[in-house]
Amino acid sequence: MFDIRAIRENPDLFIRAWNRRKEGLGSSSVAKILELDKAWREATTAKQDAESARNANSKLIGQAKAKKDEAEAARLMALVAEAKTTIEQAGEAEEAARKALDDVLMGLPNLPLDEVPEGADEHANVEQHKWGTPKGINAPKDHA
């Protein structure tokens, strides 16, 4: 599985390499990956912002109760409860976005090295060197 940061930081490398594989991947695949990554990052940010707001309001609840300001404490408790719901929803969205991104990343083929010759299929492969001589089997045994 590829590191999403590598794709995010150098998408052209992945586009060129996947175009060389001639499997229909390339710019559209990278665009889809970057779109899923953006959705995951936005969901993560929303969740973290809600957690930060909840923590700040929780701290203020303690201060309001220390000052005997029950109305302010009740208002802040309502905000904390609302933030809790937002955190749950954002967490579910984050998890779904991460799963979708991981599913795509897991299905991606490897990048070919620059020194790998291009060809239409495996029959265009070039034999670099041969070691020894292959054994000739005149009468193969029946394995059935």
C-alpha atoms as a PDB file:
ATOM      1  CA  MET A   1       0.000   0.000   0.000  1.00  0.00           C
ATOM      2  CA  PHE A   2       1.333   3.415  -0.916  1.00  0.00           C
ATOM      3  CA  ASP A   3       1.807   6.179   1.620  1.00  0.00           C
ATOM      4  CA  ILE A   4      -0.775   8.837   0.818  1.00  0.00           C
ATOM      5  CA  ARG A   5       1.789  11.544   1.558  1.00  0.00           C
ATOM      6  CA  ALA A   6       3.966  10.277  -1.301  1.00  0.00           C
ATOM      7  CA  ILE A   7       1.044  10.542  -3.732  1.00  0.00           C
ATOM      8  CA  ARG A   8       0.020  13.925  -2.334  1.00  0.00           C
ATOM      9  CA  GLU A   9       3.553  15.357  -2.578  1.00  0.00           C
ATOM     10  CA  ASN A  10       4.484  13.922  -5.985  1.00  0.00           C
ATOM     11  CA  PRO A  11       1.373  13.055  -8.011  1.00  0.00           C
ATOM     12  CA  ASP A  12       3.127  13.471 -11.380  1.00  0.00           C
ATOM     13  CA  LEU A  13       5.511  10.602 -10.601  1.00  0.00           C
ATOM     14  CA  PHE A  14       2.575   8.268  -9.965  1.00  0.00           C
ATOM     15  CA  ILE A  15       0.698   9.463 -13.057  1.00  0.00           C
ATOM     16  CA  ARG A  16       3.719   8.849 -15.318  1.00  0.00           C
ATOM     17  CA  ALA A  17       4.492   5.452 -13.779  1.00  0.00           C
ATOM     18  CA  TRP A  18       0.917   4.163 -13.946  1.00  0.00           C
ATOM     19  CA  ASN A  19       0.530   5.435 -17.509  1.00  0.00           C
ATOM     20  CA  ARG A  20       3.578   3.320 -18.408  1.00  0.00           C
ATOM     21  CA  ARG A  21       1.804   0.215 -17.092  1.00  0.00           C
ATOM     22  CA  LYS A  22      -1.004   0.724 -19.623  1.00  0.00           C
ATOM     23  CA  GLU A  23      -3.670  -0.502 -17.215  1.00  0.00           C
ATOM     24  CA  GLY A  24      -5.990   2.465 -17.484  1.00  0.00           C
ATOM     25  CA  LEU A  25      -4.620   4.174 -14.394  1.00  0.00           C
ATOM     26  CA  GLY A  26      -3.034   7.599 -14.375  1.00  0.00           C
ATOM     27  CA  SER A  27      -4.326  11.091 -13.839  1.00  0.00           C
ATOM     28  CA  SER A  28      -7.920  10.014 -13.167  1.00  0.00           C
ATOM     29  CA  SER A  29      -6.788   7.563 -10.477  1.00  0.00           C
ATOM     30  CA  VAL A  30      -4.528  10.118  -8.831  1.00  0.00           C
ATOM     31  CA  ALA A  31      -7.329  12.709  -8.926  1.00  0.00           C
ATOM     32  CA  LYS A  32      -9.694  10.228  -7.247  1.00  0.00           C
ATOM     33  CA  ILE A  33      -7.085   9.386  -4.601  1.00  0.00           C
ATOM     34  CA  LEU A  34      -6.422  13.059  -3.865  1.00  0.00           C
ATOM     35  CA  GLU A  35     -10.178  13.718  -3.651  1.00  0.00           C
ATOM     36  CA  LEU A  36     -10.632  10.871  -1.140  1.00  0.00           C
ATOM     37  CA  ASP A  37      -7.614  12.133   0.798  1.00  0.00           C
ATOM     38  CA  LYS A  38      -9.106  15.634   0.935  1.00  0.00           C
ATOM     39  CA  ALA A  39     -12.427  14.261   2.234  1.00  0.00           C
ATOM     40  CA  TRP A  40     -10.609  12.235   4.904  1.00  0.00           C
ATOM     41  CA  ARG A  41      -8.529  15.237   5.989  1.00  0.00           C
ATOM     42  CA  GLU A  42     -11.602  17.490   6.161  1.00  0.00           C
ATOM     43  CA  ALA A  43     -13.474  14.932   8.280  1.00  0.00           C
ATOM     44  CA  THR A  44     -10.460  14.584  10.574  1.00  0.00           C
ATOM     45  CA  THR A  45     -10.213  18.365  10.947  1.00  0.00           C
ATOM     46  CA  ALA A  46     -13.938  18.659  11.717  1.00  0.00           C
ATOM     47  CA  LYS A  47     -13.643  15.983  14.392  1.00  0.00           C
ATOM     48  CA  GLN A  48     -10.580  17.593  15.951  1.00  0.00           C
ATOM     49  CA  ASP A  49     -12.218  21.040  15.927  1.00  0.00           C
ATOM     50  CA  ALA A  50     -15.295  19.638  17.686  1.00  0.00           C
ATOM     51  CA  GLU A  51     -13.087  17.883  20.258  1.00  0.00           C
ATOM     52  CA  SER A  52     -11.197  21.112  20.872  1.00  0.00           C
ATOM     53  CA  ALA A  53     -14.448  23.053  21.347  1.00  0.00           C
ATOM     54  CA  ARG A  54     -15.767  20.366  23.703  1.00  0.00           C
ATOM     55  CA  ASN A  55     -12.591  20.469  25.784  1.00  0.00           C
ATOM     56  CA  ALA A  56     -12.588  24.271  25.968  1.00  0.00           C
ATOM     57  CA  ASN A  57     -16.264  24.373  26.985  1.00  0.00           C
ATOM     58  CA  SER A  58     -15.739  21.610  29.550  1.00  0.00           C
ATOM     59  CA  LYS A  59     -13.030  23.710  31.148  1.00  0.00           C
ATOM     60  CA  LEU A  60     -15.342  26.735  31.172  1.00  0.00           C
ATOM     61  CA  ILE A  61     -18.073  24.669  32.865  1.00  0.00           C
ATOM     62  CA  GLY A  62     -15.786  24.149  35.836  1.00  0.00           C
ATOM     63  CA  GLN A  63     -15.024  27.862  35.988  1.00  0.00           C
ATOM     64  CA  ALA A  64     -18.722  28.781  35.746  1.00  0.00           C
ATOM     65  CA  LYS A  65     -19.626  26.358  38.541  1.00  0.00           C
ATOM     66  CA  ALA A  66     -16.830  27.783  40.680  1.00  0.00           C
ATOM     67  CA  LYS A  67     -18.412  31.233  40.202  1.00  0.00           C
ATOM     68  CA  LYS A  68     -21.871  29.763  41.021  1.00  0.00           C
ATOM     69  CA  ASP A  69     -23.164  30.792  37.570  1.00  0.00           C
ATOM     70  CA  GLU A  70     -25.549  27.892  36.933  1.00  0.00           C
ATOM     71  CA  ALA A  71     -27.151  29.462  33.843  1.00  0.00           C
ATOM     72  CA  GLU A  72     -23.776  29.769  32.114  1.00  0.00           C
ATOM     73  CA  ALA A  73     -22.823  26.243  33.216  1.00  0.00           C
ATOM     74  CA  ALA A  74     -26.081  24.861  31.779  1.00  0.00           C
ATOM     75  CA  ARG A  75     -25.506  26.704  28.486  1.00  0.00           C
ATOM     76  CA  LEU A  76     -21.963  25.331  28.285  1.00  0.00           C
ATOM     77  CA  MET A  77     -23.189  21.807  29.098  1.00  0.00           C
ATOM     78  CA  ALA A  78     -25.603  22.048  26.175  1.00  0.00           C
ATOM     79  CA  LEU A  79     -22.706  23.101  23.939  1.00  0.00           C
ATOM     80  CA  VAL A  80     -20.634  20.148  25.176  1.00  0.00           C
ATOM     81  CA  ALA A  81     -23.513  17.748  24.466  1.00  0.00           C
ATOM     82  CA  GLU A  82     -23.871  19.230  20.978  1.00  0.00           C
ATOM     83  CA  ALA A  83     -20.123  18.904  20.415  1.00  0.00           C
ATOM     84  CA  LYS A  84     -20.287  15.275  21.543  1.00  0.00           C
ATOM     85  CA  THR A  85     -22.863  14.537  18.831  1.00  0.00           C
ATOM     86  CA  THR A  86     -20.766  16.392  16.274  1.00  0.00           C
ATOM     87  CA  ILE A  87     -17.691  14.393  17.305  1.00  0.00           C
ATOM     88  CA  GLU A  88     -19.545  11.101  16.838  1.00  0.00           C
ATOM     89  CA  GLN A  89     -20.832  12.110  13.395  1.00  0.00           C
ATOM     90  CA  ALA A  90     -17.453  13.460  12.308  1.00  0.00           C
ATOM     91  CA  GLY A  91     -15.780  10.306  13.615  1.00  0.00           C
ATOM     92  CA  GLU A  92     -18.081   8.142  11.507  1.00  0.00           C
ATOM     93  CA  ALA A  93     -17.432  10.323   8.455  1.00  0.00           C
ATOM     94  CA  GLU A  94     -13.684  10.172   9.115  1.00  0.00           C
ATOM     95  CA  GLU A  95     -13.765   6.386   9.444  1.00  0.00           C
ATOM     96  CA  ALA A  96     -15.788   5.974   6.234  1.00  0.00           C
ATOM     97  CA  ALA A  97     -13.489   8.328   4.324  1.00  0.00           C
ATOM     98  CA  ARG A  98     -10.385   6.544   5.606  1.00  0.00           C
ATOM     99  CA  LYS A  99     -11.812   3.143   4.667  1.00  0.00           C
ATOM    100  CA  ALA A 100     -12.649   4.347   1.149  1.00  0.00           C
ATOM    101  CA  LEU A 101      -9.141   5.785   0.770  1.00  0.00           C
ATOM    102  CA  ASP A 102      -7.477   2.625   2.096  1.00  0.00           C
ATOM    103  CA  ASP A 103      -9.564   0.446  -0.228  1.00  0.00           C
ATOM    104  CA  VAL A 104      -8.335   2.406  -3.241  1.00  0.00           C
ATOM    105  CA  LEU A 105      -4.723   2.484  -2.030  1.00  0.00           C
ATOM    106  CA  MET A 106      -4.715  -1.281  -1.410  1.00  0.00           C
ATOM    107  CA  GLY A 107      -5.753  -1.994  -4.999  1.00  0.00           C
ATOM    108  CA  LEU A 108      -3.038   0.051  -6.683  1.00  0.00           C
ATOM    109  CA  PRO A 109      -0.326  -1.720  -8.665  1.00  0.00           C
ATOM    110  CA  ASN A 110       3.376  -1.192  -8.043  1.00  0.00           C
ATOM    111  CA  LEU A 111       5.275   1.496  -9.892  1.00  0.00           C
ATOM    112  CA  PRO A 112       7.641   0.168 -12.556  1.00  0.00           C
ATOM    113  CA  LEU A 113      11.270   1.222 -12.310  1.00  0.00           C
ATOM    114  CA  ASP A 114      12.558   3.660 -14.917  1.00  0.00           C
ATOM    115  CA  GLU A 115      14.886   1.006 -16.345  1.00  0.00           C
ATOM    116  CA  VAL A 116      12.009  -1.402 -17.030  1.00  0.00           C
ATOM    117  CA  PRO A 117      11.381  -1.414 -20.799  1.00  0.00           C
ATOM    118  CA  GLU A 118       7.898  -0.528 -21.964  1.00  0.00           C
ATOM    119  CA  GLY A 119       5.798  -3.068 -23.790  1.00  0.00           C
ATOM    120  CA  ALA A 120       2.211  -3.883 -24.624  1.00  0.00           C
ATOM    121  CA  ASP A 121       2.150  -7.025 -22.472  1.00  0.00           C
ATOM    122  CA  GLU A 122       4.408  -9.658 -20.900  1.00  0.00           C
ATOM    123  CA  HIS A 123       5.483 -10.936 -24.342  1.00  0.00           C
ATOM    124  CA  ALA A 124       7.418  -7.697 -24.852  1.00  0.00           C
ATOM    125  CA  ASN A 125       9.650  -8.535 -21.878  1.00  0.00           C
ATOM    126  CA  VAL A 126      13.364  -8.584 -22.607  1.00  0.00           C
ATOM    127  CA  GLU A 127      15.504 -11.435 -21.279  1.00  0.00           C
ATOM    128  CA  GLN A 128      18.485  -9.826 -19.540  1.00  0.00           C
ATOM    129  CA  HIS A 129      20.589 -12.941 -18.967  1.00  0.00           C
ATOM    130  CA  LYS A 130      20.242 -16.704 -18.807  1.00  0.00           C
ATOM    131  CA  TRP A 131      21.890 -18.994 -16.267  1.00  0.00           C
ATOM    132  CA  GLY A 132      22.622 -22.610 -17.165  1.00  0.00           C
ATOM    133  CA  THR A 133      20.715 -24.698 -19.651  1.00  0.00           C
ATOM    134  CA  PRO A 134      17.125 -25.746 -19.149  1.00  0.00           C
ATOM    135  CA  LYS A 135      16.506 -29.454 -18.568  1.00  0.00           C
ATOM    136  CA  GLY A 136      14.783 -31.215 -21.378  1.00  0.00           C
ATOM    137  CA  ILE A 137      12.099 -33.667 -20.309  1.00  0.00           C
ATOM    138  CA  ASN A 138      11.530 -36.252 -23.016  1.00  0.00           C
ATOM    139  CA  ALA A 139       8.729 -38.199 -21.397  1.00  0.00           C
ATOM    140  CA  PRO A 140       7.043 -36.382 -18.502  1.00  0.00           C
ATOM    141  CA  LYS A 141       5.477 -38.636 -15.885  1.00  0.00           C
ATOM    142  CA  ASP A 142       1.735 -38.702 -15.516  1.00  0.00           C
ATOM    143  CA  HIS A 143       0.834 -37.186 -12.137  1.00  0.00           C
ATOM    144  CA  ALA A 144      -2.755 -38.274 -12.173  1.00  0.00           C
END
